[in-house]
PDB file of N, CA and C in Angstrom:
ATOM      1  N   MET A   1     -11.588   2.790  12.596  1.00  0.00           N
ATOM      2  CA  MET A   1     -11.772   1.501  13.226  1.00  0.00           C
ATOM      3  C   MET A   1     -12.581   1.706  14.492  1.00  0.00           C
ATOM      4  N   GLN A   2     -13.469   0.802  14.742  1.00  0.00           N
ATOM      5  CA  GLN A   2     -14.294   0.865  15.943  1.00  0.00           C
ATOM      6  C   GLN A   2     -14.228  -0.481  16.633  1.00  0.00           C
ATOM      7  N   ILE A   3     -14.042  -0.448  17.928  1.00  0.00           N
ATOM      8  CA  ILE A   3     -13.996  -1.668  18.734  1.00  0.00           C
ATOM      9  C   ILE A   3     -15.143  -1.612  19.733  1.00  0.00           C
ATOM     10  N   THR A   4     -15.895  -2.676  19.790  1.00  0.00           N
ATOM     11  CA  THR A   4     -16.979  -2.786  20.761  1.00  0.00           C
ATOM     12  C   THR A   4     -16.573  -3.803  21.803  1.00  0.00           C
ATOM     13  N   ILE A   5     -16.672  -3.402  23.054  1.00  0.00           N
ATOM     14  CA  ILE A   5     -16.302  -4.287  24.168  1.00  0.00           C
ATOM     15  C   ILE A   5     -17.538  -4.505  25.025  1.00  0.00           C
ATOM     16  N   ASN A   6     -17.888  -5.742  25.191  1.00  0.00           N
ATOM     17  CA  ASN A   6     -18.995  -6.091  26.075  1.00  0.00           C
ATOM     18  C   ASN A   6     -18.402  -6.541  27.406  1.00  0.00           C
ATOM     19  N   VAL A   7     -18.789  -5.855  28.461  1.00  0.00           N
ATOM     20  CA  VAL A   7     -18.278  -6.198  29.794  1.00  0.00           C
ATOM     21  C   VAL A   7     -19.452  -6.470  30.730  1.00  0.00           C
ATOM     22  N   PRO A   8     -19.252  -7.362  31.647  1.00  0.00           N
ATOM     23  CA  PRO A   8     -20.337  -7.621  32.599  1.00  0.00           C
ATOM     24  C   PRO A   8     -20.524  -6.433  33.546  1.00  0.00           C
ATOM     25  N   ASP A   9     -21.712  -6.243  33.995  1.00  0.00           N
ATOM     26  CA  ASP A   9     -22.005  -5.149  34.926  1.00  0.00           C
ATOM     27  C   ASP A   9     -21.299  -5.336  36.258  1.00  0.00           C
ATOM     28  N   THR A  10     -20.928  -6.546  36.559  1.00  0.00           N
ATOM     29  CA  THR A  10     -20.302  -6.824  37.853  1.00  0.00           C
ATOM     30  C   THR A  10     -18.799  -6.565  37.857  1.00  0.00           C
ATOM     31  N   LEU A  11     -18.231  -6.232  36.696  1.00  0.00           N
ATOM     32  CA  LEU A  11     -16.793  -5.978  36.630  1.00  0.00           C
ATOM     33  C   LEU A  11     -16.475  -4.673  37.354  1.00  0.00           C
ATOM     34  N   PRO A  12     -15.548  -4.700  38.319  1.00  0.00           N
ATOM     35  CA  PRO A  12     -15.203  -3.474  39.044  1.00  0.00           C
ATOM     36  C   PRO A  12     -14.606  -2.421  38.101  1.00  0.00           C
ATOM     37  N   LYS A  13     -14.866  -1.174  38.409  1.00  0.00           N
ATOM     38  CA  LYS A  13     -14.426  -0.065  37.579  1.00  0.00           C
ATOM     39  C   LYS A  13     -12.912  -0.041  37.402  1.00  0.00           C
ATOM     40  N   GLU A  14     -12.175  -0.311  38.453  1.00  0.00           N
ATOM     41  CA  GLU A  14     -10.714  -0.319  38.377  1.00  0.00           C
ATOM     42  C   GLU A  14     -10.210  -1.437  37.459  1.00  0.00           C
ATOM     43  N   ARG A  15     -10.852  -2.579  37.541  1.00  0.00           N
ATOM     44  CA  ARG A  15     -10.461  -3.709  36.689  1.00  0.00           C
ATOM     45  C   ARG A  15     -10.766  -3.387  35.222  1.00  0.00           C
ATOM     46  N   LEU A  16     -11.877  -2.705  34.966  1.00  0.00           N
ATOM     47  CA  LEU A  16     -12.227  -2.290  33.615  1.00  0.00           C
ATOM     48  C   LEU A  16     -11.184  -1.320  33.063  1.00  0.00           C
ATOM     49  N   LYS A  17     -10.771  -0.349  33.863  1.00  0.00           N
ATOM     50  CA  LYS A  17      -9.740   0.600  33.449  1.00  0.00           C
ATOM     51  C   LYS A  17      -8.436  -0.123  33.117  1.00  0.00           C
ATOM     52  N   GLN A  18      -8.096  -1.112  33.939  1.00  0.00           N
ATOM     53  CA  GLN A  18      -6.872  -1.883  33.711  1.00  0.00           C
ATOM     54  C   GLN A  18      -6.956  -2.635  32.377  1.00  0.00           C
ATOM     55  N   ARG A  19      -8.082  -3.260  32.093  1.00  0.00           N
ATOM     56  CA  ARG A  19      -8.266  -4.010  30.845  1.00  0.00           C
ATOM     57  C   ARG A  19      -8.214  -3.085  29.624  1.00  0.00           C
ATOM     58  N   ILE A  20      -8.785  -1.881  29.769  1.00  0.00           N
ATOM     59  CA  ILE A  20      -8.751  -0.917  28.666  1.00  0.00           C
ATOM     60  C   ILE A  20      -7.314  -0.476  28.395  1.00  0.00           C
ATOM     61  N   LYS A  21      -6.536  -0.233  29.452  1.00  0.00           N
ATOM     62  CA  LYS A  21      -5.125   0.137  29.294  1.00  0.00           C
ATOM     63  C   LYS A  21      -4.355  -0.974  28.587  1.00  0.00           C
ATOM     64  N   GLU A  22      -4.620  -2.231  28.970  1.00  0.00           N
ATOM     65  CA  GLU A  22      -3.954  -3.369  28.338  1.00  0.00           C
ATOM     66  C   GLU A  22      -4.305  -3.441  26.847  1.00  0.00           C
ATOM     67  N   LEU A  23      -5.560  -3.195  26.528  1.00  0.00           N
ATOM     68  CA  LEU A  23      -6.003  -3.209  25.144  1.00  0.00           C
ATOM     69  C   LEU A  23      -5.336  -2.083  24.350  1.00  0.00           C
ATOM     70  N   GLU A  24      -5.270  -0.890  24.928  1.00  0.00           N
ATOM     71  CA  GLU A  24      -4.609   0.232  24.269  1.00  0.00           C
ATOM     72  C   GLU A  24      -3.147  -0.084  23.978  1.00  0.00           C
ATOM     73  N   GLN A  25      -2.446  -0.655  24.953  1.00  0.00           N
ATOM     74  CA  GLN A  25      -1.038  -1.009  24.768  1.00  0.00           C
ATOM     75  C   GLN A  25      -0.877  -2.052  23.664  1.00  0.00           C
ATOM     76  N   SER A  26      -1.776  -3.014  23.646  1.00  0.00           N
ATOM     77  CA  SER A  26      -1.732  -4.041  22.615  1.00  0.00           C
ATOM     78  C   SER A  26      -1.933  -3.433  21.226  1.00  0.00           C
ATOM     79  N   LEU A  27      -2.871  -2.520  21.096  1.00  0.00           N
ATOM     80  CA  LEU A  27      -3.123  -1.871  19.807  1.00  0.00           C
ATOM     81  C   LEU A  27      -1.952  -0.998  19.377  1.00  0.00           C
ATOM     82  N   ILE A  28      -1.334  -0.312  20.320  1.00  0.00           N
ATOM     83  CA  ILE A  28      -0.165   0.516  20.016  1.00  0.00           C
ATOM     84  C   ILE A  28       0.981  -0.359  19.518  1.00  0.00           C
ATOM     85  N   THR A  29       1.194  -1.489  20.172  1.00  0.00           N
ATOM     86  CA  THR A  29       2.250  -2.417  19.765  1.00  0.00           C
ATOM     87  C   THR A  29       1.986  -2.936  18.361  1.00  0.00           C
ATOM     88  N   GLU A  30       0.752  -3.322  18.079  1.00  0.00           N
ATOM     89  CA  GLU A  30       0.395  -3.816  16.747  1.00  0.00           C
ATOM     90  C   GLU A  30       0.578  -2.714  15.700  1.00  0.00           C
ATOM     91  N   ALA A  31       0.190  -1.486  16.015  1.00  0.00           N
ATOM     92  CA  ALA A  31       0.324  -0.385  15.068  1.00  0.00           C
ATOM     93  C   ALA A  31       1.792  -0.133  14.743  1.00  0.00           C
ATOM     94  N   LYS A  32       2.658  -0.200  15.746  1.00  0.00           N
ATOM     95  CA  LYS A  32       4.094  -0.012  15.517  1.00  0.00           C
ATOM     96  C   LYS A  32       4.640  -1.112  14.624  1.00  0.00           C
ATOM     97  N   PHE A  33       4.201  -2.359  14.852  1.00  0.00           N
ATOM     98  CA  PHE A  33       4.643  -3.479  14.028  1.00  0.00           C
ATOM     99  C   PHE A  33       4.252  -3.263  12.575  1.00  0.00           C
ATOM    100  N   PHE A  34       2.998  -2.881  12.332  1.00  0.00           N
ATOM    101  CA  PHE A  34       2.541  -2.692  10.964  1.00  0.00           C
ATOM    102  C   PHE A  34       3.206  -1.488  10.307  1.00  0.00           C
ATOM    103  N   ALA A  35       3.526  -0.457  11.078  1.00  0.00           N
ATOM    104  CA  ALA A  35       4.216   0.700  10.519  1.00  0.00           C
ATOM    105  C   ALA A  35       5.604   0.298  10.040  1.00  0.00           C
ATOM    106  N   VAL A  36       6.322  -0.487  10.846  1.00  0.00           N
ATOM    107  CA  VAL A  36       7.650  -0.969  10.452  1.00  0.00           C
ATOM    108  C   VAL A  36       7.528  -1.887   9.246  1.00  0.00           C
ATOM    109  N   PHE A  37       6.543  -2.783   9.253  1.00  0.00           N
ATOM    110  CA  PHE A  37       6.330  -3.715   8.153  1.00  0.00           C
ATOM    111  C   PHE A  37       6.028  -2.959   6.853  1.00  0.00           C
ATOM    112  N   ALA A  38       5.169  -1.957   6.914  1.00  0.00           N
ATOM    113  CA  ALA A  38       4.814  -1.176   5.728  1.00  0.00           C
ATOM    114  C   ALA A  38       6.018  -0.402   5.214  1.00  0.00           C
ATOM    115  N   LYS A  39       6.837   0.113   6.122  1.00  0.00           N
ATOM    116  CA  LYS A  39       8.029   0.864   5.727  1.00  0.00           C
ATOM    117  C   LYS A  39       9.011  -0.055   5.011  1.00  0.00           C
ATOM    118  N   GLN A  40       9.158  -1.292   5.485  1.00  0.00           N
ATOM    119  CA  GLN A  40      10.050  -2.253   4.837  1.00  0.00           C
ATOM    120  C   GLN A  40       9.541  -2.594   3.447  1.00  0.00           C
ATOM    121  N   GLN A  41       8.231  -2.685   3.280  1.00  0.00           N
ATOM    122  CA  GLN A  41       7.666  -3.048   1.987  1.00  0.00           C
ATOM    123  C   GLN A  41       7.867  -1.944   0.953  1.00  0.00           C
ATOM    124  N   THR A  42       7.830  -0.691   1.353  1.00  0.00           N
ATOM    125  CA  THR A  42       7.959   0.408   0.403  1.00  0.00           C
ATOM    126  C   THR A  42       9.406   0.839   0.209  1.00  0.00           C
ATOM    127  N   ALA A  43      10.311   0.420   1.057  1.00  0.00           N
ATOM    128  CA  ALA A  43      11.699   0.872   0.983  1.00  0.00           C
ATOM    129  C   ALA A  43      12.560  -0.055   0.137  1.00  0.00           C
ATOM    130  N   THR A  44      11.975  -0.819  -0.742  1.00  0.00           N
ATOM    131  CA  THR A  44      12.743  -1.746  -1.549  1.00  0.00           C
ATOM    132  C   THR A  44      13.151  -1.114  -2.872  1.00  0.00           C
ATOM    133  N   ASP A  45      14.265  -1.537  -3.411  1.00  0.00           N
ATOM    134  CA  ASP A  45      14.731  -1.058  -4.704  1.00  0.00           C
ATOM    135  C   ASP A  45      14.419  -2.063  -5.811  1.00  0.00           C
ATOM    136  N   ASP A  46      13.560  -3.016  -5.533  1.00  0.00           N
ATOM    137  CA  ASP A  46      13.197  -4.027  -6.511  1.00  0.00           C
ATOM    138  C   ASP A  46      12.444  -3.376  -7.667  1.00  0.00           C
ATOM    139  N   PRO A  47      12.942  -3.471  -8.898  1.00  0.00           N
ATOM    140  CA  PRO A  47      12.277  -2.800 -10.015  1.00  0.00           C
ATOM    141  C   PRO A  47      10.902  -3.371 -10.340  1.00  0.00           C
ATOM    142  N   TRP A  48      10.607  -4.579  -9.887  1.00  0.00           N
ATOM    143  CA  TRP A  48       9.295  -5.148 -10.152  1.00  0.00           C
ATOM    144  C   TRP A  48       8.231  -4.573  -9.225  1.00  0.00           C
ATOM    145  N   THR A  49       8.621  -4.122  -8.047  1.00  0.00           N
ATOM    146  CA  THR A  49       7.654  -3.520  -7.134  1.00  0.00           C
ATOM    147  C   THR A  49       7.654  -2.000  -7.208  1.00  0.00           C
ATOM    148  N   ASN A  50       8.774  -1.409  -7.629  1.00  0.00           N
ATOM    149  CA  ASN A  50       8.878   0.045  -7.767  1.00  0.00           C
ATOM    150  C   ASN A  50       9.437   0.383  -9.142  1.00  0.00           C
ATOM    151  N   PRO A  51       8.658   0.197 -10.198  1.00  0.00           N
ATOM    152  CA  PRO A  51       9.201   0.462 -11.532  1.00  0.00           C
ATOM    153  C   PRO A  51       9.435   1.945 -11.764  1.00  0.00           C
ATOM    154  N   ASN A  52      10.529   2.253 -12.418  1.00  0.00           N
ATOM    155  CA  ASN A  52      10.824   3.627 -12.799  1.00  0.00           C
ATOM    156  C   ASN A  52      10.263   3.816 -14.203  1.00  0.00           C
ATOM    157  N   VAL A  53       9.112   4.448 -14.315  1.00  0.00           N
ATOM    158  CA  VAL A  53       8.408   4.554 -15.583  1.00  0.00           C
ATOM    159  C   VAL A  53       9.189   5.408 -16.572  1.00  0.00           C
ATOM    160  N   VAL A  54       9.931   6.381 -16.106  1.00  0.00           N
ATOM    161  CA  VAL A  54      10.662   7.276 -16.995  1.00  0.00           C
ATOM    162  C   VAL A  54      11.837   6.554 -17.650  1.00  0.00           C
ATOM    163  N   LEU A  55      12.431   5.613 -16.976  1.00  0.00           N
ATOM    164  CA  LEU A  55      13.638   4.947 -17.466  1.00  0.00           C
ATOM    165  C   LEU A  55      13.461   4.299 -18.837  1.00  0.00           C
ATOM    166  N   PRO A  56      12.427   3.467 -19.086  1.00  0.00           N
ATOM    167  CA  PRO A  56      12.338   2.827 -20.396  1.00  0.00           C
ATOM    168  C   PRO A  56      11.727   3.697 -21.497  1.00  0.00           C
ATOM    169  N   ALA A  57      11.334   4.927 -21.190  1.00  0.00           N
ATOM    170  CA  ALA A  57      10.709   5.789 -22.185  1.00  0.00           C
ATOM    171  C   ALA A  57      11.748   6.276 -23.188  1.00  0.00           C
ATOM    172  N   THR A  58      11.389   6.231 -24.471  1.00  0.00           N
ATOM    173  CA  THR A  58      12.273   6.673 -25.534  1.00  0.00           C
ATOM    174  C   THR A  58      11.499   7.590 -26.464  1.00  0.00           C
ATOM    175  N   ASP A  59      12.099   8.714 -26.834  1.00  0.00           N
ATOM    176  CA  ASP A  59      11.465   9.624 -27.770  1.00  0.00           C
ATOM    177  C   ASP A  59      11.821   9.169 -29.184  1.00  0.00           C
ATOM    178  N   THR A  60      10.826   8.681 -29.926  1.00  0.00           N
ATOM    179  CA  THR A  60      11.054   8.199 -31.290  1.00  0.00           C
ATOM    180  C   THR A  60      10.946   9.311 -32.314  1.00  0.00           C
ATOM    181  N   GLY A  61      10.353  10.433 -31.946  1.00  0.00           N
ATOM    182  CA  GLY A  61      10.142  11.525 -32.875  1.00  0.00           C
ATOM    183  C   GLY A  61       8.925  11.314 -33.760  1.00  0.00           C
ATOM    184  N   ILE A  62       8.230  10.203 -33.592  1.00  0.00           N
ATOM    185  CA  ILE A  62       7.045   9.896 -34.385  1.00  0.00           C
ATOM    186  C   ILE A  62       5.820  10.387 -33.607  1.00  0.00           C
ATOM    187  N   GLN A  63       5.077  11.332 -34.187  1.00  0.00           N
ATOM    188  CA  GLN A  63       3.961  11.956 -33.478  1.00  0.00           C
ATOM    189  C   GLN A  63       2.781  11.016 -33.274  1.00  0.00           C
ATOM    190  N   ASP A  64       2.519  10.113 -34.235  1.00  0.00           N
ATOM    191  CA  ASP A  64       1.342   9.248 -34.144  1.00  0.00           C
ATOM    192  C   ASP A  64       1.709   7.810 -33.764  1.00  0.00           C
ATOM    193  N   PHE A  65       2.804   7.638 -33.066  1.00  0.00           N
ATOM    194  CA  PHE A  65       3.276   6.282 -32.742  1.00  0.00           C
ATOM    195  C   PHE A  65       2.281   5.517 -31.879  1.00  0.00           C
ATOM    196  N   ALA A  66       1.636   6.180 -30.925  1.00  0.00           N
ATOM    197  CA  ALA A  66       0.689   5.495 -30.045  1.00  0.00           C
ATOM    198  C   ALA A  66      -0.517   4.989 -30.834  1.00  0.00           C
ATOM    199  N   ILE A  67      -0.971   5.762 -31.800  1.00  0.00           N
ATOM    200  CA  ILE A  67      -2.146   5.369 -32.583  1.00  0.00           C
ATOM    201  C   ILE A  67      -1.785   4.304 -33.615  1.00  0.00           C
ATOM    202  N   ASN A  68      -0.643   4.475 -34.278  1.00  0.00           N
ATOM    203  CA  ASN A  68      -0.263   3.596 -35.381  1.00  0.00           C
ATOM    204  C   ASN A  68       0.920   2.694 -35.032  1.00  0.00           C
ATOM    205  N   HIS A  69       1.008   2.279 -33.801  1.00  0.00           N
ATOM    206  CA  HIS A  69       2.170   1.460 -33.415  1.00  0.00           C
ATOM    207  C   HIS A  69       2.251   0.160 -34.207  1.00  0.00           C
ATOM    208  N   ASP A  70       1.111  -0.446 -34.578  1.00  0.00           N
ATOM    209  CA  ASP A  70       1.144  -1.670 -35.384  1.00  0.00           C
ATOM    210  C   ASP A  70       1.763  -1.404 -36.760  1.00  0.00           C
ATOM    211  N   HIS A  71       1.505  -0.233 -37.314  1.00  0.00           N
ATOM    212  CA  HIS A  71       2.083   0.126 -38.610  1.00  0.00           C
ATOM    213  C   HIS A  71       3.612   0.196 -38.505  1.00  0.00           C
ATOM    214  N   TYR A  72       4.097   0.881 -37.458  1.00  0.00           N
ATOM    215  CA  TYR A  72       5.538   1.065 -37.320  1.00  0.00           C
ATOM    216  C   TYR A  72       6.247  -0.209 -36.860  1.00  0.00           C
ATOM    217  N   LEU A  73       5.580  -1.045 -36.101  1.00  0.00           N
ATOM    218  CA  LEU A  73       6.220  -2.262 -35.605  1.00  0.00           C
ATOM    219  C   LEU A  73       6.059  -3.429 -36.555  1.00  0.00           C
ATOM    220  N   TYR A  74       4.871  -3.579 -37.176  1.00  0.00           N
ATOM    221  CA  TYR A  74       4.571  -4.793 -37.937  1.00  0.00           C
ATOM    222  C   TYR A  74       4.252  -4.525 -39.397  1.00  0.00           C
ATOM    223  N   GLY A  75       4.184  -3.264 -39.813  1.00  0.00           N
ATOM    224  CA  GLY A  75       3.952  -2.949 -41.208  1.00  0.00           C
ATOM    225  C   GLY A  75       2.492  -2.983 -41.621  1.00  0.00           C
ATOM    226  N   THR A  76       1.551  -2.987 -40.699  1.00  0.00           N
ATOM    227  CA  THR A  76       0.132  -2.972 -41.065  1.00  0.00           C
ATOM    228  C   THR A  76      -0.250  -1.582 -41.558  1.00  0.00           C
ATOM    229  N   ASP A  77      -1.451  -1.449 -42.129  1.00  0.00           N
ATOM    230  CA  ASP A  77      -1.927  -0.159 -42.612  1.00  0.00           C
ATOM    231  C   ASP A  77      -2.118   0.816 -41.454  1.00  0.00           C
ATOM    232  N   LYS A  78      -1.881   2.131 -41.722  1.00  0.00           N
ATOM    233  CA  LYS A  78      -2.121   3.158 -40.716  1.00  0.00           C
ATOM    234  C   LYS A  78      -3.602   3.300 -40.459  1.00  0.00           C
ATOM    235  N   GLN A  79      -3.953   3.732 -39.255  1.00  0.00           N
ATOM    236  CA  GLN A  79      -5.360   3.937 -38.923  1.00  0.00           C
ATOM    237  C   GLN A  79      -5.792   5.333 -39.209  1.00  0.00           C
TER     238      GLN A  79
END
């Protein structure tokens, strides 16, 4: 991220330093907020947002099930 700040040449150096400190504090506060927000979003046990892919997997013992699933499910010809 890059921030460009345009300041007048007449702004005193001390006042510029103060404004930069205020901006830094504001960015730090925002970063902390988003870190907490992101942590809350990923820490959910909702299966729709964090599906456990291994859970619904079943070993059918059929080697060509992925290729011929229509045959095994609906009785169509094998490919």
